[in-house]
Protein backbone atom coordinates (compact mmCIF):
# COMPACT_ATOMS: atom_id res chain seq x y z
CA MET A 1 133.96 190.27 -18.50
CA GLY A 2 132.84 187.03 -20.16
CA ARG A 3 130.39 186.66 -22.98
CA ILE A 4 126.69 186.69 -22.09
CA ASP A 5 124.31 184.52 -24.12
CA VAL A 6 120.61 185.40 -24.08
CA ILE A 7 118.20 182.86 -25.55
CA ILE A 8 114.63 184.07 -26.02
CA SER A 9 112.01 181.43 -26.72
CA ALA A 10 109.26 183.37 -28.47
CA HIS A 11 105.73 182.09 -28.95
CA ARG A 12 103.04 184.64 -29.73
CA ALA A 13 105.47 187.31 -28.56
CA HIS A 14 104.95 189.93 -31.27
CA GLN A 15 103.84 192.47 -28.64
CA THR A 16 106.51 191.75 -26.00
CA LEU A 17 109.59 190.89 -28.07
CA PRO A 18 110.34 194.50 -29.12
CA ARG A 19 110.36 195.61 -25.45
CA THR A 20 112.63 192.71 -24.54
CA LEU A 21 115.07 193.50 -27.35
CA ALA A 22 115.00 197.23 -26.51
CA SER A 23 115.97 196.42 -22.94
CA ILE A 24 118.89 194.28 -24.12
CA ALA A 25 119.97 196.87 -26.71
CA ALA A 26 120.11 199.55 -23.97
CA GLN A 27 122.79 197.68 -22.01
CA ASN A 28 126.21 199.30 -21.83
CA ILE A 29 127.87 195.90 -22.35
CA LEU A 30 126.14 195.15 -25.67
CA SER A 31 129.43 194.06 -27.23
CA GLU A 32 129.52 191.19 -24.71
CA ILE A 33 125.96 190.01 -25.42
CA SER A 34 124.80 187.45 -27.94
CA VAL A 35 121.04 187.13 -28.47
CA VAL A 36 119.24 184.20 -30.09
CA VAL A 37 115.51 184.56 -30.72
CA VAL A 38 113.91 181.14 -31.11
CA ASP A 39 110.59 181.19 -32.96
CA ASP A 40 108.66 178.51 -31.09
CA ALA A 41 106.31 177.68 -34.02
CA CYS A 42 104.23 180.81 -33.62
CA PRO A 43 101.02 180.54 -35.68
CA GLU A 44 101.11 184.30 -36.42
CA GLY A 45 104.33 183.97 -38.43
CA ASN A 46 107.97 184.81 -37.83
CA TYR A 47 109.40 187.72 -35.85
CA ASN A 48 111.29 189.53 -38.61
CA ASP A 49 109.21 192.70 -38.14
CA ALA A 50 109.91 192.71 -34.40
CA ILE A 51 113.64 192.05 -34.87
CA SER A 52 114.40 194.37 -37.80
CA PRO A 53 114.51 197.67 -35.81
CA PHE A 54 117.32 196.20 -33.68
CA LYS A 55 119.47 194.68 -36.43
CA SER A 56 121.57 197.79 -37.00
CA ARG A 57 122.45 198.19 -33.31
CA MET A 58 122.74 194.47 -32.58
CA SER A 59 123.91 193.23 -35.99
CA ARG A 60 126.57 190.87 -34.67
CA ALA A 61 124.63 189.85 -31.58
CA LEU A 62 121.11 189.10 -32.86
CA THR A 63 120.31 185.73 -34.43
CA PRO A 64 116.78 184.68 -35.32
CA THR A 65 116.21 180.92 -35.56
CA THR A 66 113.43 178.36 -35.34
CA LEU A 67 112.78 175.65 -32.80
CA SER A 68 113.36 172.95 -35.43
CA GLN A 69 116.81 174.42 -36.19
CA VAL A 70 117.69 174.36 -32.49
CA LEU A 71 116.51 170.75 -32.09
CA THR A 72 118.50 169.71 -35.16
CA ARG A 73 121.66 171.24 -33.64
CA TRP A 74 121.03 169.44 -30.33
CA GLN A 75 120.53 166.11 -32.08
CA PHE A 76 123.74 166.63 -34.03
CA CYS A 77 125.64 167.44 -30.84
CA ASP A 78 124.21 164.39 -29.06
CA ALA A 79 125.25 162.13 -31.93
CA ALA A 80 128.85 163.34 -31.84
């Protein structure tokens, strides 16, 4: 089976993000899944509290980032 990339754009998702991550963490193919949580400039702050319970189970798969970091990567790729 190929690798599965899940990109979650999160804005004001402090209530729903834990349920989303729990659903992903329950998959029997977790070793094939890579998850990127993009903080879409949420005014309530970052999602570290929502992500931290899943870090031990999804340590290699879970990557928090910000929208500005994503846009910077895209601009770099477009310039190449």
